[in-house]
């Protein structure tokens, strides 16, 4: 933990002002280091107040590395960038260096990509993050981490006041009615709702064990929807007001950590995903490498396959592009 993060924790643990000498002693640094850390925090948007009796913790930490780490109840260090090519790419670099349990967070991405190498618009104002972990699980369970990230993102959106839901396997939508057909008549995308967030997972490992795993999450947070691709929306637009991106990112990370903390925790991912799904019960068409599968989505089975009733049989689809169809009248 760096001096700034440790200083924030020390201030947060005290109800009143804490003197510079007391902070220096508790942190094991010089008073000059305390002053430097305070100035650094102020530059990051932390309104650390100085009083005659000492320093006071800021009421509203900003969207920054130290801000997200401030009070974070998740086992991740936070590496923040104002601007970066790709948080997933940076997380892969960290993985190659042997790192783990790192959340790479950015205000803006300039070279981000989505599934199937599709372009992903990631301007300033979003929540763009990638979590690097080294879970002790078989590679066959890796898809559960993608589903866990979708659940965590949905929960963060709901906490922010947006009624989000999940479209299989990893899109977080708003405005999907779940009763057959798109809730929005203008939806030309086949998603059945307006896209709020997407998830991309990458991993490396042996045949039977994960070496490292990176889950990248892109959330349209404080972004004007007119600057986004057709069919996309943002948290701020849906709640008709700005969103606390620091709190959103922290909630997402905390929920993801909770869902992936152990093999037993992973067992709770599928039930949580089902509760937040807008795909189950819908008529769907899934384009796979082997052709299209059309029918009614009836379940999600481990480690993330969509179970589709085609009227002739039930098929498990492990990967593909899912389109929500309108039910026959």
Protein backbone atom coordinates (compact mmCIF):
# COMPACT_ATOMS: atom_id res chain seq x y z
CA UNK A 1 0.00 0.00 0.00
CA UNK A 2 1.40 3.42 -0.95
CA UNK A 3 1.56 6.35 1.47
CA UNK A 4 -1.48 8.09 0.01
CA UNK A 5 -3.74 5.05 0.38
CA UNK A 6 -2.41 4.36 3.88
CA UNK A 7 -3.00 7.99 4.83
CA UNK A 8 -6.59 7.85 3.62
CA UNK A 9 -7.19 4.68 5.60
CA UNK A 10 -5.71 6.29 8.71
CA UNK A 11 -7.92 9.37 8.33
CA UNK A 12 -11.02 7.27 7.66
CA UNK A 13 -10.39 5.25 10.83
CA UNK A 14 -10.56 8.38 12.97
CA UNK A 15 -13.70 10.42 13.66
CA UNK A 16 -11.83 13.71 13.94
CA UNK A 17 -8.69 15.51 12.80
CA UNK A 18 -5.37 13.64 12.91
CA UNK A 19 -2.18 15.61 13.35
CA UNK A 20 0.73 15.39 10.94
CA UNK A 21 3.12 14.02 13.57
CA UNK A 22 0.58 11.37 14.60
CA UNK A 23 0.11 10.30 10.98
CA UNK A 24 3.86 10.17 10.40
CA UNK A 25 4.33 7.96 13.45
CA UNK A 26 1.46 5.59 12.63
CA UNK A 27 2.54 5.24 9.00
CA UNK A 28 6.24 5.00 9.73
CA UNK A 29 7.15 7.88 7.42
CA UNK A 30 8.46 11.42 7.79
CA UNK A 31 6.24 14.47 8.25
CA UNK A 32 7.45 15.64 4.85
CA UNK A 33 6.17 12.38 3.35
CA UNK A 34 2.79 12.99 5.00
CA UNK A 35 2.62 16.50 3.53
CA UNK A 36 3.61 15.18 0.10
CA UNK A 37 0.94 12.48 0.27
CA UNK A 38 -1.72 15.04 1.25
CA UNK A 39 -0.76 17.27 -1.68
CA UNK A 40 -0.80 14.30 -4.02
CA UNK A 41 -4.29 13.35 -2.86
CA UNK A 42 -5.52 16.88 -3.39
CA UNK A 43 -4.19 16.78 -6.94
CA UNK A 44 -6.24 13.60 -7.46
CA UNK A 45 -9.40 15.38 -6.32
CA UNK A 46 -9.40 14.47 -2.62
CA UNK A 47 -10.47 17.46 -0.56
CA UNK A 48 -8.27 16.63 2.43
CA UNK A 49 -9.01 19.44 4.88
CA UNK A 50 -6.34 21.03 7.07
CA UNK A 51 -7.44 22.28 10.49
CA UNK A 52 -5.51 23.60 13.50
CA UNK A 53 -5.85 20.12 15.01
CA UNK A 54 -4.72 18.17 11.94
CA UNK A 55 -6.02 16.64 8.73
CA UNK A 56 -9.61 15.50 8.13
CA UNK A 57 -10.69 12.74 5.76
CA UNK A 58 -12.42 13.95 2.58
CA UNK A 59 -16.18 13.46 2.43
CA UNK A 60 -16.27 12.58 -1.26
CA UNK A 61 -13.20 10.86 -2.73
CA UNK A 62 -12.84 11.33 -6.46
CA UNK A 63 -12.66 8.85 -9.34
CA UNK A 64 -8.99 7.95 -9.14
CA UNK A 65 -6.82 5.07 -8.02
CA UNK A 66 -6.69 6.21 -4.42
CA UNK A 67 -10.35 7.20 -4.56
CA UNK A 68 -11.54 3.77 -5.67
CA UNK A 69 -9.21 2.04 -3.21
CA UNK A 70 -10.51 4.28 -0.40
CA UNK A 71 -12.62 2.00 1.80
CA UNK A 72 -12.68 -0.73 -0.88
CA UNK A 73 -13.83 -4.04 0.61
CA UNK A 74 -12.14 -6.20 -2.02
CA UNK A 75 -8.65 -7.75 -2.16
CA UNK A 76 -7.43 -5.74 -5.15
CA UNK A 77 -4.81 -3.07 -5.56
CA UNK A 78 -5.96 -0.35 -7.96
CA UNK A 79 -3.86 0.92 -10.86
CA UNK A 80 -5.52 4.00 -12.34
CA UNK A 81 -4.95 5.69 -15.70
CA UNK A 82 -6.55 8.87 -17.00
CA UNK A 83 -6.02 7.53 -20.51
CA UNK A 84 -4.84 4.13 -21.71
CA UNK A 85 -5.03 2.00 -24.82
CA UNK A 86 -6.73 -0.94 -23.12
CA UNK A 87 -7.13 -1.96 -19.49
CA UNK A 88 -7.22 -5.61 -20.58
CA UNK A 89 -3.93 -5.21 -22.41
CA UNK A 90 -2.34 -3.59 -19.35
CA UNK A 91 -3.70 -6.38 -17.13
CA UNK A 92 -2.13 -8.96 -19.45
CA UNK A 93 1.20 -7.16 -19.13
CA UNK A 94 0.90 -7.29 -15.35
CA UNK A 95 0.06 -10.99 -15.55
CA UNK A 96 3.22 -11.61 -17.59
CA UNK A 97 5.17 -9.90 -14.80
CA UNK A 98 3.67 -12.27 -12.23
CA UNK A 99 1.19 -9.86 -10.68
CA UNK A 100 -2.22 -10.82 -9.34
CA UNK A 101 -5.25 -9.27 -7.64
CA UNK A 102 -4.95 -5.99 -9.52
CA UNK A 103 -7.79 -3.84 -10.85
CA UNK A 104 -6.66 -1.70 -13.78
CA UNK A 105 -9.04 1.25 -14.07
CA UNK A 106 -9.22 4.04 -16.64
CA UNK A 107 -11.21 7.16 -17.35
CA UNK A 108 -10.73 6.70 -21.10
CA UNK A 109 -9.56 3.91 -23.42
CA UNK A 110 -8.20 4.63 -26.86
CA UNK A 111 -7.73 1.12 -28.23
CA UNK A 112 -10.39 -0.99 -26.57
CA UNK A 113 -12.03 -3.96 -28.29
CA UNK A 114 -15.08 -6.03 -27.52
CA UNK A 115 -15.95 -9.65 -28.19
CA UNK A 116 -14.86 -11.01 -31.59
CA UNK A 117 -12.43 -8.08 -31.85
CA UNK A 118 -15.26 -5.59 -32.35
CA UNK A 119 -14.69 -1.91 -31.73
CA UNK A 120 -15.76 -0.66 -28.30
CA UNK A 121 -16.21 3.07 -27.82
CA UNK A 122 -14.65 3.99 -24.48
CA UNK A 123 -14.56 7.78 -24.05
CA UNK A 124 -13.79 9.79 -20.94
CA UNK A 125 -16.58 9.48 -18.39
CA UNK A 126 -16.98 5.71 -18.46
CA UNK A 127 -15.98 3.03 -15.99
CA UNK A 128 -13.41 0.94 -17.84
CA UNK A 129 -11.71 -1.67 -15.69
CA UNK A 130 -10.02 -5.05 -15.85
CA UNK A 131 -9.47 -7.38 -12.91
CA UNK A 132 -6.45 -9.68 -12.92
CA UNK A 133 -6.61 -12.73 -10.66
CA UNK A 134 -5.06 -16.19 -10.45
CA UNK A 135 -7.97 -18.34 -9.27
CA UNK A 136 -7.22 -21.89 -8.20
CA UNK A 137 -9.93 -23.44 -10.38
CA UNK A 138 -10.08 -25.74 -13.41
CA UNK A 139 -10.16 -23.99 -16.79
CA UNK A 140 -13.62 -25.47 -17.36
CA UNK A 141 -14.98 -23.12 -14.67
CA UNK A 142 -13.50 -19.97 -16.21
CA UNK A 143 -16.80 -18.91 -17.89
CA UNK A 144 -18.30 -18.46 -14.43
CA UNK A 145 -16.05 -15.44 -13.93
CA UNK A 146 -17.64 -13.75 -16.93
CA UNK A 147 -21.11 -14.41 -15.53
CA UNK A 148 -19.97 -13.17 -12.11
CA UNK A 149 -18.77 -9.92 -13.68
CA UNK A 150 -22.16 -9.50 -15.39
CA UNK A 151 -23.93 -9.98 -12.06
CA UNK A 152 -21.57 -7.55 -10.33
CA UNK A 153 -22.06 -4.91 -13.03
CA UNK A 154 -25.83 -5.31 -12.91
CA UNK A 155 -25.84 -4.94 -9.14
CA UNK A 156 -23.70 -1.79 -9.34
CA UNK A 157 -26.09 -0.32 -11.90
CA UNK A 158 -29.10 -1.14 -9.75
CA UNK A 159 -27.45 0.45 -6.73
CA UNK A 160 -26.97 3.55 -8.88
CA UNK A 161 -30.71 3.61 -9.60
CA UNK A 162 -30.80 1.94 -13.01
CA UNK A 163 -32.95 -1.18 -13.52
CA UNK A 164 -30.41 -3.23 -15.43
CA UNK A 165 -30.56 -6.89 -16.48
CA UNK A 166 -28.29 -9.41 -18.22
CA UNK A 167 -28.56 -10.68 -21.78
CA UNK A 168 -26.66 -13.93 -22.31
CA UNK A 169 -23.83 -14.20 -21.95
CA UNK A 170 -22.33 -10.88 -20.94
CA UNK A 171 -24.29 -7.81 -22.03
CA UNK A 172 -25.88 -5.60 -19.39
CA UNK A 173 -29.04 -3.95 -20.73
CA UNK A 174 -31.63 -1.39 -19.72
CA UNK A 175 -35.20 -1.28 -20.98
CA UNK A 176 -35.69 -4.99 -21.64
CA UNK A 177 -39.16 -6.18 -20.65
CA UNK A 178 -38.39 -9.89 -20.40
CA UNK A 179 -41.82 -10.84 -21.74
CA UNK A 180 -41.00 -11.52 -25.37
CA UNK A 181 -39.84 -8.92 -27.81
CA UNK A 182 -37.98 -5.70 -27.22
CA UNK A 183 -39.51 -3.22 -24.82
CA UNK A 184 -38.26 -0.41 -27.04
CA UNK A 185 -39.92 -0.38 -30.48
CA UNK A 186 -36.95 1.54 -31.88
CA UNK A 187 -34.43 -1.13 -30.94
CA UNK A 188 -32.76 -2.15 -34.21
CA UNK A 189 -30.04 -4.27 -32.65
CA UNK A 190 -31.89 -7.41 -31.63
CA UNK A 191 -30.62 -7.00 -28.09
CA UNK A 192 -34.05 -6.38 -26.63
CA UNK A 193 -32.84 -3.36 -24.71
CA UNK A 194 -30.31 -0.56 -24.59
CA UNK A 195 -26.73 -1.68 -23.95
CA UNK A 196 -25.21 -0.28 -20.78
CA UNK A 197 -22.10 -2.44 -20.37
CA UNK A 198 -20.13 -5.30 -21.87
CA UNK A 199 -17.60 -7.82 -20.60
CA UNK A 200 -14.57 -9.49 -22.18
CA UNK A 201 -12.67 -12.30 -20.43
CA UNK A 202 -9.18 -13.52 -21.31
CA UNK A 203 -7.11 -16.21 -19.64
CA UNK A 204 -4.03 -18.35 -19.81
CA UNK A 205 -3.48 -21.70 -18.16
CA UNK A 206 -2.75 -25.37 -18.43
CA UNK A 207 -5.22 -27.94 -19.66
CA UNK A 208 -6.77 -28.42 -16.24
CA UNK A 209 -5.92 -25.23 -14.33
CA UNK A 210 -6.22 -21.48 -14.79
CA UNK A 211 -2.88 -19.67 -14.76
CA UNK A 212 -4.24 -16.13 -14.81
CA UNK A 213 -7.58 -14.64 -15.71
CA UNK A 214 -8.53 -11.11 -16.75
CA UNK A 215 -12.12 -9.93 -16.76
CA UNK A 216 -12.59 -6.62 -18.54
CA UNK A 217 -15.74 -4.58 -17.90
CA UNK A 218 -16.79 -1.53 -19.87
CA UNK A 219 -19.61 0.60 -18.47
CA UNK A 220 -21.12 3.64 -20.13
CA UNK A 221 -21.35 5.73 -16.98
CA UNK A 222 -21.30 9.54 -17.33
CA UNK A 223 -21.48 9.61 -21.13
CA UNK A 224 -23.87 11.34 -23.51
CA UNK A 225 -25.68 8.51 -25.36
CA UNK A 226 -25.55 10.55 -28.58
CA UNK A 227 -21.80 9.91 -28.66
CA UNK A 228 -22.31 6.14 -28.30
CA UNK A 229 -23.12 3.53 -30.97
CA UNK A 230 -26.72 2.91 -31.93
CA UNK A 231 -28.64 1.01 -29.29
CA UNK A 232 -26.34 1.99 -26.39
CA UNK A 233 -27.15 4.07 -23.33
CA UNK A 234 -25.41 5.30 -20.19
CA UNK A 235 -26.01 5.23 -16.47
CA UNK A 236 -26.31 9.01 -16.27
CA UNK A 237 -28.88 9.09 -19.08
CA UNK A 238 -31.01 6.36 -17.53
CA UNK A 239 -31.01 7.93 -14.07
CA UNK A 240 -31.28 11.46 -15.49
CA UNK A 241 -28.29 12.71 -13.55
CA UNK A 242 -24.57 12.15 -12.96
CA UNK A 243 -23.36 8.91 -11.39
CA UNK A 244 -20.72 8.51 -8.69
CA UNK A 245 -18.24 6.56 -10.78
CA UNK A 246 -15.97 5.92 -7.81
CA UNK A 247 -18.79 4.25 -5.90
CA UNK A 248 -19.94 2.39 -9.02
CA UNK A 249 -16.48 0.93 -9.62
CA UNK A 250 -16.05 0.03 -5.96
CA UNK A 251 -19.43 -1.71 -5.80
CA UNK A 252 -18.64 -3.66 -8.96
CA UNK A 253 -15.25 -4.78 -7.63
CA UNK A 254 -16.64 -5.71 -4.22
CA UNK A 255 -19.48 -7.76 -5.66
CA UNK A 256 -17.17 -9.49 -8.13
CA UNK A 257 -14.73 -10.35 -5.35
CA UNK A 258 -17.58 -11.76 -3.27
CA UNK A 259 -18.82 -13.98 -6.09
CA UNK A 260 -15.37 -15.32 -7.01
CA UNK A 261 -13.75 -15.58 -3.58
CA UNK A 262 -13.75 -19.40 -3.50
CA UNK A 263 -15.05 -22.47 -5.35
CA UNK A 264 -18.02 -22.42 -2.99
CA UNK A 265 -18.73 -18.79 -3.86
CA UNK A 266 -18.63 -19.64 -7.56
CA UNK A 267 -21.43 -22.13 -6.94
CA UNK A 268 -23.69 -19.13 -6.26
CA UNK A 269 -22.97 -17.41 -9.57
CA UNK A 270 -25.46 -19.29 -11.75
CA UNK A 271 -28.43 -18.72 -9.40
CA UNK A 272 -27.52 -15.03 -9.16
CA UNK A 273 -27.22 -14.78 -12.95
CA UNK A 274 -30.61 -16.44 -13.46
CA UNK A 275 -32.29 -13.94 -11.13
CA UNK A 276 -30.93 -11.02 -13.19
CA UNK A 277 -31.37 -12.53 -16.64
CA UNK A 278 -33.61 -11.03 -19.31
CA UNK A 279 -32.79 -13.84 -21.76
CA UNK A 280 -34.40 -16.77 -19.96
CA UNK A 281 -37.93 -17.33 -21.16
CA UNK A 282 -37.30 -15.45 -24.40
CA UNK A 283 -37.29 -16.59 -27.99
CA UNK A 284 -33.71 -16.34 -29.16
CA UNK A 285 -31.51 -16.95 -32.17
CA UNK A 286 -27.86 -17.71 -31.49
CA UNK A 287 -25.31 -17.61 -34.26
CA UNK A 288 -22.55 -20.10 -33.51
CA UNK A 289 -19.54 -21.35 -35.40
CA UNK A 290 -21.61 -24.40 -36.40
CA UNK A 291 -24.72 -22.50 -37.49
CA UNK A 292 -27.77 -20.91 -35.89
CA UNK A 293 -29.79 -22.23 -32.99
CA UNK A 294 -33.32 -20.84 -32.57
CA UNK A 295 -35.81 -21.52 -29.82
CA UNK A 296 -36.72 -20.56 -26.28
CA UNK A 297 -33.97 -19.95 -23.73
CA UNK A 298 -34.99 -22.04 -20.74
CA UNK A 299 -31.93 -22.11 -18.47
CA UNK A 300 -28.25 -21.45 -18.05
CA UNK A 301 -26.15 -24.50 -17.17
CA UNK A 302 -22.65 -24.71 -15.79
CA UNK A 303 -20.27 -23.25 -16.53
CA UNK A 304 -22.36 -20.77 -18.51
CA UNK A 305 -24.01 -22.58 -21.42
CA UNK A 306 -27.43 -21.36 -22.53
CA UNK A 307 -30.02 -24.13 -22.70
CA UNK A 308 -32.32 -23.60 -25.68
CA UNK A 309 -35.55 -25.51 -26.36
CA UNK A 310 -35.79 -25.69 -30.16
CA UNK A 311 -39.15 -27.53 -30.04
CA UNK A 312 -37.31 -30.57 -31.41
CA UNK A 313 -34.67 -30.90 -28.70
CA UNK A 314 -32.85 -29.06 -25.98
CA UNK A 315 -29.43 -27.81 -26.91
CA UNK A 316 -26.63 -26.33 -24.83
CA UNK A 317 -24.94 -23.40 -26.52
CA UNK A 318 -21.57 -22.49 -25.05
CA UNK A 319 -20.70 -19.47 -27.21
CA UNK A 320 -22.25 -17.32 -29.88
CA UNK A 321 -24.08 -14.10 -30.70
CA UNK A 322 -27.51 -14.09 -29.06
CA UNK A 323 -30.41 -12.16 -30.55
CA UNK A 324 -33.69 -11.71 -28.70
CA UNK A 325 -36.63 -12.40 -31.01
CA UNK A 326 -40.21 -11.30 -30.81
CA UNK A 327 -42.55 -14.07 -29.76
CA UNK A 328 -45.17 -15.10 -32.27
CA UNK A 329 -48.52 -13.43 -31.73
